[in-house]
Amino acid sequence: MSDHLTVVDHPLVQHKLTIMRKKETSTSEFRQLLREISQLLAYEVTRELPMTTRSIETPMQEMDAPALAGPKLALVSILRAGNGLLDGMLELIPSARVGFVGLYRDEETLKPVQYYFKVPTQIDKRLVIAVDPMLATGNSSVAAIDMLKEAGAKDIRFLCLLAAPEGVARMKEAHPDVPIVTAALDERLNEKGYIVPGLGDAGDRMFGTK
């Protein structure tokens, strides 16, 4: 993946995202759509996984067949909203190892504060996909990638549902080696640091909290 930003314009992704944006979409429907869309995005973000061949026997004959190479990839959820993307991706990649980065945004400074960090072993040898539905200011995403690199991660991709131009620019400045895959690049951030037109707070909409 060479491009810093990939917008997945698949019709199913775009259609599901439109329903998720609508304010009248229920919590349960939002959660189900996020699970579905995460699998479609996972398909894109894993497009260039390293491959090998292994000898297998079909009902007809033996053959050398393609298979994933190297250690199992790591999915790292940026809590709490990242878990919405994580669930669907694990259905597609059940063998993946899972990590968590706990960050919350200080509403005064808009800066991220860490409260939890746990990632799989051999993080330096795994492809690491960090997931968070919203790339807004980019502050928490940059902080999470900082922590993953400090833990030894070398091959990192970032997957989100929505991105703002400000967040993409911030990530490119801090981590130009981390490709971003998203379903949409929205217009801008508002004065509170929310993505516009966006879909509101992904965590609140997913978990039914306000």
C-alpha atoms as a PDB file:
ATOM      1  CA  MET A   1       0.000   0.000   0.000  1.00  0.00           C
ATOM      2  CA  SER A   2       1.858   3.043  -1.253  1.00  0.00           C
ATOM      3  CA  ASP A   3      -0.783   5.787  -1.201  1.00  0.00           C
ATOM      4  CA  HIS A   4      -1.070   7.507   2.151  1.00  0.00           C
ATOM      5  CA  LEU A   5      -4.870   7.711   1.885  1.00  0.00           C
ATOM      6  CA  THR A   6      -7.212   5.158   0.290  1.00  0.00           C
ATOM      7  CA  VAL A   7     -10.931   5.982   0.123  1.00  0.00           C
ATOM      8  CA  VAL A   8     -12.949   2.807  -0.397  1.00  0.00           C
ATOM      9  CA  ASP A   9     -15.634   3.850  -2.872  1.00  0.00           C
ATOM     10  CA  HIS A  10     -17.278   0.428  -3.192  1.00  0.00           C
ATOM     11  CA  PRO A  11     -21.058   0.876  -3.686  1.00  0.00           C
ATOM     12  CA  LEU A  12     -21.960  -1.299  -0.678  1.00  0.00           C
ATOM     13  CA  VAL A  13     -19.588   0.644   1.583  1.00  0.00           C
ATOM     14  CA  GLN A  14     -21.023   3.972   0.447  1.00  0.00           C
ATOM     15  CA  HIS A  15     -24.654   2.832   0.744  1.00  0.00           C
ATOM     16  CA  LYS A  16     -24.193   1.444   4.268  1.00  0.00           C
ATOM     17  CA  LEU A  17     -22.319   4.575   5.339  1.00  0.00           C
ATOM     18  CA  THR A  18     -25.194   6.774   4.137  1.00  0.00           C
ATOM     19  CA  ILE A  19     -27.640   4.877   6.361  1.00  0.00           C
ATOM     20  CA  MET A  20     -25.222   5.158   9.305  1.00  0.00           C
ATOM     21  CA  ARG A  21     -24.997   8.928   8.860  1.00  0.00           C
ATOM     22  CA  LYS A  22     -28.775   9.421   9.158  1.00  0.00           C
ATOM     23  CA  LYS A  23     -29.638  10.680  12.635  1.00  0.00           C
ATOM     24  CA  GLU A  24     -32.771   8.522  12.865  1.00  0.00           C
ATOM     25  CA  THR A  25     -30.793   5.269  12.386  1.00  0.00           C
ATOM     26  CA  SER A  26     -31.187   3.216  15.584  1.00  0.00           C
ATOM     27  CA  THR A  27     -28.351   2.030  17.827  1.00  0.00           C
ATOM     28  CA  SER A  28     -28.887  -1.623  16.863  1.00  0.00           C
ATOM     29  CA  GLU A  29     -28.986  -0.830  13.143  1.00  0.00           C
ATOM     30  CA  PHE A  30     -25.920   1.411  13.442  1.00  0.00           C
ATOM     31  CA  ARG A  31     -24.017  -1.379  15.203  1.00  0.00           C
ATOM     32  CA  GLN A  32     -25.008  -3.973  12.599  1.00  0.00           C
ATOM     33  CA  LEU A  33     -24.041  -1.689   9.703  1.00  0.00           C
ATOM     34  CA  LEU A  34     -20.687  -0.937  11.333  1.00  0.00           C
ATOM     35  CA  ARG A  35     -20.018  -4.672  11.611  1.00  0.00           C
ATOM     36  CA  GLU A  36     -20.878  -5.164   7.912  1.00  0.00           C
ATOM     37  CA  ILE A  37     -18.903  -2.160   6.674  1.00  0.00           C
ATOM     38  CA  SER A  38     -15.880  -3.144   8.761  1.00  0.00           C
ATOM     39  CA  GLN A  39     -15.643  -6.437   6.872  1.00  0.00           C
ATOM     40  CA  LEU A  40     -15.693  -4.630   3.546  1.00  0.00           C
ATOM     41  CA  LEU A  41     -12.998  -2.217   4.751  1.00  0.00           C
ATOM     42  CA  ALA A  42     -10.968  -5.126   6.156  1.00  0.00           C
ATOM     43  CA  TYR A  43     -11.014  -6.666   2.681  1.00  0.00           C
ATOM     44  CA  GLU A  44      -9.348  -3.509   1.342  1.00  0.00           C
ATOM     45  CA  VAL A  45      -6.808  -2.948   4.127  1.00  0.00           C
ATOM     46  CA  THR A  46      -5.568  -6.567   3.888  1.00  0.00           C
ATOM     47  CA  ARG A  47      -5.280  -6.527   0.098  1.00  0.00           C
ATOM     48  CA  GLU A  48      -1.472  -6.843   0.059  1.00  0.00           C
ATOM     49  CA  LEU A  49      -0.848  -9.378   2.807  1.00  0.00           C
ATOM     50  CA  PRO A  50       2.287 -11.518   2.236  1.00  0.00           C
ATOM     51  CA  MET A  51       1.519 -14.873   0.644  1.00  0.00           C
ATOM     52  CA  THR A  52       3.207 -18.257   0.404  1.00  0.00           C
ATOM     53  CA  THR A  53       2.172 -21.664  -0.948  1.00  0.00           C
ATOM     54  CA  ARG A  54       1.542 -24.906   0.852  1.00  0.00           C
ATOM     55  CA  SER A  55       0.998 -28.414  -0.395  1.00  0.00           C
ATOM     56  CA  ILE A  56      -2.584 -29.635   0.037  1.00  0.00           C
ATOM     57  CA  GLU A  57      -4.686 -32.489  -1.290  1.00  0.00           C
ATOM     58  CA  THR A  58      -7.995 -31.709  -2.995  1.00  0.00           C
ATOM     59  CA  PRO A  59     -10.516 -34.524  -3.648  1.00  0.00           C
ATOM     60  CA  MET A  60      -8.908 -34.719  -7.109  1.00  0.00           C
ATOM     61  CA  GLN A  61      -5.148 -34.403  -6.563  1.00  0.00           C
ATOM     62  CA  GLU A  62      -2.300 -32.739  -4.695  1.00  0.00           C
ATOM     63  CA  MET A  63      -1.493 -29.094  -5.431  1.00  0.00           C
ATOM     64  CA  ASP A  64       0.545 -26.145  -4.207  1.00  0.00           C
ATOM     65  CA  ALA A  65      -2.067 -23.667  -3.000  1.00  0.00           C
ATOM     66  CA  PRO A  66      -1.772 -20.029  -1.850  1.00  0.00           C
ATOM     67  CA  ALA A  67      -1.870 -19.268   1.888  1.00  0.00           C
ATOM     68  CA  LEU A  68      -1.068 -16.352   4.167  1.00  0.00           C
ATOM     69  CA  ALA A  69       2.597 -16.106   5.182  1.00  0.00           C
ATOM     70  CA  GLY A  70       4.308 -14.941   8.343  1.00  0.00           C
ATOM     71  CA  PRO A  71       2.985 -14.372  11.875  1.00  0.00           C
ATOM     72  CA  LYS A  72      -0.731 -13.724  12.389  1.00  0.00           C
ATOM     73  CA  LEU A  73      -1.601 -10.078  11.883  1.00  0.00           C
ATOM     74  CA  ALA A  74      -2.552  -7.886  14.834  1.00  0.00           C
ATOM     75  CA  LEU A  75      -5.738  -5.840  15.050  1.00  0.00           C
ATOM     76  CA  VAL A  76      -5.431  -3.001  17.545  1.00  0.00           C
ATOM     77  CA  SER A  77      -8.613  -1.285  18.672  1.00  0.00           C
ATOM     78  CA  ILE A  78      -8.407   2.329  19.818  1.00  0.00           C
ATOM     79  CA  LEU A  79     -10.968   2.252  22.634  1.00  0.00           C
ATOM     80  CA  ARG A  80     -13.820   2.508  22.923  1.00  0.00           C
ATOM     81  CA  ALA A  81     -15.244   3.124  19.466  1.00  0.00           C
ATOM     82  CA  GLY A  82     -12.593   0.996  17.741  1.00  0.00           C
ATOM     83  CA  ASN A  83     -14.323  -2.113  19.075  1.00  0.00           C
ATOM     84  CA  GLY A  84     -17.146  -1.552  16.602  1.00  0.00           C
ATOM     85  CA  LEU A  85     -14.746  -2.077  13.692  1.00  0.00           C
ATOM     86  CA  LEU A  86     -12.858  -4.837  15.512  1.00  0.00           C
ATOM     87  CA  ASP A  87     -15.874  -7.154  15.849  1.00  0.00           C
ATOM     88  CA  GLY A  88     -16.604  -7.349  12.152  1.00  0.00           C
ATOM     89  CA  MET A  89     -12.943  -7.675  11.192  1.00  0.00           C
ATOM     90  CA  LEU A  90     -12.471 -10.639  13.557  1.00  0.00           C
ATOM     91  CA  GLU A  91     -15.257 -12.489  11.750  1.00  0.00           C
ATOM     92  CA  LEU A  92     -13.240 -12.142   8.542  1.00  0.00           C
ATOM     93  CA  ILE A  93      -9.821 -12.745  10.165  1.00  0.00           C
ATOM     94  CA  PRO A  94     -10.556 -14.977  13.186  1.00  0.00           C
ATOM     95  CA  SER A  95      -6.897 -15.959  13.655  1.00  0.00           C
ATOM     96  CA  ALA A  96      -5.770 -12.339  14.147  1.00  0.00           C
ATOM     97  CA  ARG A  97      -4.175 -11.351  17.437  1.00  0.00           C
ATOM     98  CA  VAL A  98      -5.856  -8.430  19.196  1.00  0.00           C
ATOM     99  CA  GLY A  99      -4.553  -5.423  21.096  1.00  0.00           C
ATOM    100  CA  PHE A 100      -6.144  -2.395  22.745  1.00  0.00           C
ATOM    101  CA  VAL A 101      -5.114   1.218  23.173  1.00  0.00           C
ATOM    102  CA  GLY A 102      -7.224   3.135  25.680  1.00  0.00           C
ATOM    103  CA  LEU A 103      -7.376   6.868  25.010  1.00  0.00           C
ATOM    104  CA  TYR A 104      -9.908   9.530  25.881  1.00  0.00           C
ATOM    105  CA  ARG A 105     -10.049  13.080  24.638  1.00  0.00           C
ATOM    106  CA  ASP A 106      -9.690  15.902  27.144  1.00  0.00           C
ATOM    107  CA  GLU A 107     -12.606  18.120  26.116  1.00  0.00           C
ATOM    108  CA  GLU A 108     -10.738  21.274  27.162  1.00  0.00           C
ATOM    109  CA  THR A 109      -7.465  20.705  25.301  1.00  0.00           C
ATOM    110  CA  LEU A 110      -8.752  18.142  22.720  1.00  0.00           C
ATOM    111  CA  LYS A 111      -5.529  16.214  23.546  1.00  0.00           C
ATOM    112  CA  PRO A 112      -5.564  12.436  24.088  1.00  0.00           C
ATOM    113  CA  VAL A 113      -4.991  10.939  27.535  1.00  0.00           C
ATOM    114  CA  GLN A 114      -3.845   7.288  27.780  1.00  0.00           C
ATOM    115  CA  TYR A 115      -5.450   4.919  30.298  1.00  0.00           C
ATOM    116  CA  TYR A 116      -4.762   1.440  28.836  1.00  0.00           C
ATOM    117  CA  PHE A 117      -2.268  -0.264  26.511  1.00  0.00           C
ATOM    118  CA  LYS A 118      -1.987  -3.990  25.771  1.00  0.00           C
ATOM    119  CA  VAL A 119      -0.737  -5.464  22.483  1.00  0.00           C
ATOM    120  CA  PRO A 120       0.194  -8.965  21.231  1.00  0.00           C
ATOM    121  CA  THR A 121       3.716 -10.387  21.512  1.00  0.00           C
ATOM    122  CA  GLN A 122       6.106 -10.163  18.540  1.00  0.00           C
ATOM    123  CA  ILE A 123       4.451  -6.906  17.501  1.00  0.00           C
ATOM    124  CA  ASP A 124       7.621  -6.074  15.539  1.00  0.00           C
ATOM    125  CA  LYS A 125       7.057  -9.070  13.238  1.00  0.00           C
ATOM    126  CA  ARG A 126       3.326  -8.602  12.623  1.00  0.00           C
ATOM    127  CA  LEU A 127       1.313  -6.435  10.289  1.00  0.00           C
ATOM    128  CA  VAL A 128      -0.567  -4.162  12.689  1.00  0.00           C
ATOM    129  CA  ILE A 129      -3.927  -2.675  11.710  1.00  0.00           C
ATOM    130  CA  ALA A 130      -5.047   0.069  14.096  1.00  0.00           C
ATOM    131  CA  VAL A 131      -8.801   0.710  13.993  1.00  0.00           C
ATOM    132  CA  ASP A 132     -10.894   3.688  15.084  1.00  0.00           C
ATOM    133  CA  PRO A 133     -14.107   4.785  13.316  1.00  0.00           C
ATOM    134  CA  MET A 134     -13.246   8.504  13.300  1.00  0.00           C
ATOM    135  CA  LEU A 135     -10.042  10.247  12.209  1.00  0.00           C
ATOM    136  CA  ALA A 136     -10.965  13.774  13.337  1.00  0.00           C
ATOM    137  CA  THR A 137      -8.214  16.007  14.755  1.00  0.00           C
ATOM    138  CA  GLY A 138      -5.800  13.088  14.414  1.00  0.00           C
ATOM    139  CA  ASN A 139      -4.443  13.673  17.921  1.00  0.00           C
ATOM    140  CA  SER A 140      -5.558  10.360  19.428  1.00  0.00           C
ATOM    141  CA  SER A 141      -4.652   8.412  16.274  1.00  0.00           C
ATOM    142  CA  VAL A 142      -1.140   9.894  16.231  1.00  0.00           C
ATOM    143  CA  ALA A 143      -0.758   9.137  19.952  1.00  0.00           C
ATOM    144  CA  ALA A 144      -1.898   5.526  19.424  1.00  0.00           C
ATOM    145  CA  ILE A 145       0.542   5.024  16.530  1.00  0.00           C
ATOM    146  CA  ASP A 146       3.310   6.594  18.669  1.00  0.00           C
ATOM    147  CA  MET A 147       2.641   3.980  21.357  1.00  0.00           C
ATOM    148  CA  LEU A 148       2.545   1.117  18.857  1.00  0.00           C
ATOM    149  CA  LYS A 149       5.893   2.179  17.394  1.00  0.00           C
ATOM    150  CA  GLU A 150       7.377   2.494  20.887  1.00  0.00           C
ATOM    151  CA  ALA A 151       6.203  -1.093  21.511  1.00  0.00           C
ATOM    152  CA  GLY A 152       8.148  -2.177  18.407  1.00  0.00           C
ATOM    153  CA  ALA A 153       5.550  -2.191  15.607  1.00  0.00           C
ATOM    154  CA  LYS A 154       7.124  -1.508  12.202  1.00  0.00           C
ATOM    155  CA  ASP A 155       4.392  -2.305   9.651  1.00  0.00           C
ATOM    156  CA  ILE A 156       1.254  -0.364  10.600  1.00  0.00           C
ATOM    157  CA  ARG A 157      -1.939   0.524   8.751  1.00  0.00           C
ATOM    158  CA  PHE A 158      -4.757   2.699  10.032  1.00  0.00           C
ATOM    159  CA  LEU A 159      -8.398   1.879   9.293  1.00  0.00           C
ATOM    160  CA  CYS A 160     -11.260   4.287   9.933  1.00  0.00           C
ATOM    161  CA  LEU A 161     -14.833   4.819   8.826  1.00  0.00           C
ATOM    162  CA  LEU A 162     -14.638   8.602   8.364  1.00  0.00           C
ATOM    163  CA  ALA A 163     -11.693  10.966   8.042  1.00  0.00           C
ATOM    164  CA  ALA A 164     -11.408  14.752   8.148  1.00  0.00           C
ATOM    165  CA  PRO A 165      -8.771  16.520   6.023  1.00  0.00           C
ATOM    166  CA  GLU A 166      -7.209  17.928   9.218  1.00  0.00           C
ATOM    167  CA  GLY A 167      -6.758  14.455  10.690  1.00  0.00           C
ATOM    168  CA  VAL A 168      -5.305  13.031   7.486  1.00  0.00           C
ATOM    169  CA  ALA A 169      -2.800  15.917   7.311  1.00  0.00           C
ATOM    170  CA  ARG A 170      -1.845  15.463  10.980  1.00  0.00           C
ATOM    171  CA  MET A 171      -1.269  11.729  10.500  1.00  0.00           C
ATOM    172  CA  LYS A 172       0.739  12.264   7.321  1.00  0.00           C
ATOM    173  CA  GLU A 173       2.957  14.782   9.111  1.00  0.00           C
ATOM    174  CA  ALA A 174       3.529  12.553  12.170  1.00  0.00           C
ATOM    175  CA  HIS A 175       3.473   9.101  10.527  1.00  0.00           C
ATOM    176  CA  PRO A 176       4.001   9.311   6.753  1.00  0.00           C
ATOM    177  CA  ASP A 177       4.804   5.572   6.738  1.00  0.00           C
ATOM    178  CA  VAL A 178       1.316   4.577   7.958  1.00  0.00           C
ATOM    179  CA  PRO A 179      -1.268   4.218   5.146  1.00  0.00           C
ATOM    180  CA  ILE A 180      -4.853   5.230   5.961  1.00  0.00           C
ATOM    181  CA  VAL A 181      -7.883   3.342   4.621  1.00  0.00           C
ATOM    182  CA  THR A 182     -11.291   4.988   5.069  1.00  0.00           C
ATOM    183  CA  ALA A 183     -14.833   4.895   3.685  1.00  0.00           C
ATOM    184  CA  ALA A 184     -15.067   8.683   3.267  1.00  0.00           C
ATOM    185  CA  LEU A 185     -13.023  11.860   3.439  1.00  0.00           C
ATOM    186  CA  ASP A 186     -15.458  14.403   4.864  1.00  0.00           C
ATOM    187  CA  GLU A 187     -15.505  18.179   4.524  1.00  0.00           C
ATOM    188  CA  ARG A 188     -13.928  19.558   7.713  1.00  0.00           C
ATOM    189  CA  LEU A 189     -13.917  19.694  11.509  1.00  0.00           C
ATOM    190  CA  ASN A 190     -16.234  21.997  13.442  1.00  0.00           C
ATOM    191  CA  GLU A 191     -15.103  24.198  16.348  1.00  0.00           C
ATOM    192  CA  LYS A 192     -15.578  21.276  18.784  1.00  0.00           C
ATOM    193  CA  GLY A 193     -13.334  18.980  16.745  1.00  0.00           C
ATOM    194  CA  TYR A 194     -16.167  16.850  15.328  1.00  0.00           C
ATOM    195  CA  ILE A 195     -16.230  15.694  11.701  1.00  0.00           C
ATOM    196  CA  VAL A 196     -18.733  17.544   9.446  1.00  0.00           C
ATOM    197  CA  PRO A 197     -21.055  16.342   7.938  1.00  0.00           C
ATOM    198  CA  GLY A 198     -19.933  13.193   9.776  1.00  0.00           C
ATOM    199  CA  LEU A 199     -22.297  10.999  11.765  1.00  0.00           C
ATOM    200  CA  GLY A 200     -21.987  12.388  15.292  1.00  0.00           C
ATOM    201  CA  ASP A 201     -20.071  10.556  18.019  1.00  0.00           C
ATOM    202  CA  ALA A 202     -19.455   6.998  16.783  1.00  0.00           C
ATOM    203  CA  GLY A 203     -19.094   5.583  20.300  1.00  0.00           C
ATOM    204  CA  ASP A 204     -22.339   7.152  21.501  1.00  0.00           C
ATOM    205  CA  ARG A 205     -24.236   5.946  18.451  1.00  0.00           C
ATOM    206  CA  MET A 206     -22.790   2.458  18.707  1.00  0.00           C
ATOM    207  CA  PHE A 207     -23.334   1.950  22.429  1.00  0.00           C
ATOM    208  CA  GLY A 208     -26.468   4.085  22.899  1.00  0.00           C
ATOM    209  CA  THR A 209     -24.789   6.504  25.314  1.00  0.00           C
ATOM    210  CA  LYS A 210     -24.987  10.265  25.458  1.00  0.00           C
END
